[in-house]
Amino acid sequence: MCIATVYLDTGNQRKEVMHDVISVEAKNNGFLLTALLGEGKFLEGKLKSIDFLSEHSVVIEEIEEQ
């Protein structure tokens, strides 16, 4: 089983959004995150990186307002 921590990259900082994430599903303009204990959260943004080997992380980049 691969459990990850999801971060939001705002351009000048990276902040943790959710840990123990077991599922990331693309929805509309973002991602539906599901944690090991069933907690869900929707995060707007675009995928920046995934590292399941060393950091067990998913980084979502904040979408800039136009």
C-alpha atoms as a PDB file:
ATOM      1  CA  MET A   1       0.000   0.000   0.000  1.00  0.00           C
ATOM      2  CA  CYS A   2       1.279   3.458  -0.857  1.00  0.00           C
ATOM      3  CA  ILE A   3       0.224   6.245   1.483  1.00  0.00           C
ATOM      4  CA  ALA A   4       1.185   9.794   0.549  1.00  0.00           C
ATOM      5  CA  THR A   5       1.158  13.332   1.866  1.00  0.00           C
ATOM      6  CA  VAL A   6      -0.403  15.947  -0.420  1.00  0.00           C
ATOM      7  CA  TYR A   7       1.053  19.450  -0.570  1.00  0.00           C
ATOM      8  CA  LEU A   8      -0.184  22.666  -2.210  1.00  0.00           C
ATOM      9  CA  ASP A   9       2.530  24.663  -3.987  1.00  0.00           C
ATOM     10  CA  THR A  10       1.541  28.341  -4.024  1.00  0.00           C
ATOM     11  CA  GLY A  11       4.631  29.480  -5.908  1.00  0.00           C
ATOM     12  CA  ASN A  12       6.489  30.823  -2.892  1.00  0.00           C
ATOM     13  CA  GLN A  13       5.731  28.085  -0.372  1.00  0.00           C
ATOM     14  CA  ARG A  14       4.633  24.475  -0.087  1.00  0.00           C
ATOM     15  CA  LYS A  15       2.099  23.651   2.604  1.00  0.00           C
ATOM     16  CA  GLU A  16       0.744  20.287   3.711  1.00  0.00           C
ATOM     17  CA  VAL A  17      -2.916  19.789   2.833  1.00  0.00           C
ATOM     18  CA  MET A  18      -3.518  16.183   3.919  1.00  0.00           C
ATOM     19  CA  HIS A  19      -1.480  13.217   5.121  1.00  0.00           C
ATOM     20  CA  ASP A  20      -2.164   9.458   4.923  1.00  0.00           C
ATOM     21  CA  VAL A  21      -3.750   9.916   1.478  1.00  0.00           C
ATOM     22  CA  ILE A  22      -4.665   6.646  -0.238  1.00  0.00           C
ATOM     23  CA  SER A  23      -6.576   7.980  -3.261  1.00  0.00           C
ATOM     24  CA  VAL A  24      -6.266  11.000  -5.586  1.00  0.00           C
ATOM     25  CA  GLU A  25      -8.993  11.372  -8.203  1.00  0.00           C
ATOM     26  CA  ALA A  26      -9.084  14.092 -10.870  1.00  0.00           C
ATOM     27  CA  LYS A  27     -12.365  16.054 -10.754  1.00  0.00           C
ATOM     28  CA  ASN A  28     -13.139  19.144 -12.854  1.00  0.00           C
ATOM     29  CA  ASN A  29     -10.394  21.681 -12.038  1.00  0.00           C
ATOM     30  CA  GLY A  30      -8.811  19.837  -9.124  1.00  0.00           C
ATOM     31  CA  PHE A  31      -8.479  16.608  -7.179  1.00  0.00           C
ATOM     32  CA  LEU A  32     -10.581  14.677  -4.700  1.00  0.00           C
ATOM     33  CA  LEU A  33      -8.298  13.383  -1.923  1.00  0.00           C
ATOM     34  CA  THR A  34      -9.243  10.484   0.337  1.00  0.00           C
ATOM     35  CA  ALA A  35      -7.325   9.647   3.517  1.00  0.00           C
ATOM     36  CA  LEU A  36      -6.782   6.234   5.084  1.00  0.00           C
ATOM     37  CA  LEU A  37      -9.613   6.731   7.597  1.00  0.00           C
ATOM     38  CA  GLY A  38     -12.077   7.941   4.934  1.00  0.00           C
ATOM     39  CA  GLU A  39     -11.699  11.709   5.297  1.00  0.00           C
ATOM     40  CA  GLY A  40     -12.229  13.486   1.974  1.00  0.00           C
ATOM     41  CA  LYS A  41     -11.144  16.870   0.691  1.00  0.00           C
ATOM     42  CA  PHE A  42     -11.313  18.644  -2.680  1.00  0.00           C
ATOM     43  CA  LEU A  43      -8.277  20.667  -3.740  1.00  0.00           C
ATOM     44  CA  GLU A  44      -8.258  22.964  -6.779  1.00  0.00           C
ATOM     45  CA  GLY A  45      -5.076  23.035  -8.814  1.00  0.00           C
ATOM     46  CA  LYS A  46      -2.998  21.123 -11.319  1.00  0.00           C
ATOM     47  CA  LEU A  47      -0.652  18.232 -10.727  1.00  0.00           C
ATOM     48  CA  LYS A  48       2.968  19.294 -10.296  1.00  0.00           C
ATOM     49  CA  SER A  49       4.748  16.130  -9.106  1.00  0.00           C
ATOM     50  CA  ILE A  50       4.358  12.684  -7.570  1.00  0.00           C
ATOM     51  CA  ASP A  51       7.105  10.919  -5.588  1.00  0.00           C
ATOM     52  CA  PHE A  52       6.076   7.549  -4.181  1.00  0.00           C
ATOM     53  CA  LEU A  53       9.654   6.307  -3.693  1.00  0.00           C
ATOM     54  CA  SER A  54      11.466   8.651  -1.304  1.00  0.00           C
ATOM     55  CA  GLU A  55       9.053  11.365  -0.132  1.00  0.00           C
ATOM     56  CA  HIS A  56       5.690   9.614  -0.629  1.00  0.00           C
ATOM     57  CA  SER A  57       4.309  12.952  -1.766  1.00  0.00           C
ATOM     58  CA  VAL A  58       1.928  14.471  -4.271  1.00  0.00           C
ATOM     59  CA  VAL A  59       2.333  18.169  -5.065  1.00  0.00           C
ATOM     60  CA  ILE A  60      -0.591  20.141  -6.474  1.00  0.00           C
ATOM     61  CA  GLU A  61       0.182  23.541  -7.954  1.00  0.00           C
ATOM     62  CA  GLU A  62      -2.233  26.357  -7.156  1.00  0.00           C
ATOM     63  CA  ILE A  63      -4.021  27.726 -10.220  1.00  0.00           C
ATOM     64  CA  GLU A  64      -3.327  31.433 -10.654  1.00  0.00           C
ATOM     65  CA  GLU A  65      -6.352  33.707 -10.900  1.00  0.00           C
ATOM     66  CA  GLN A  66      -6.557  35.506 -14.257  1.00  0.00           C
END
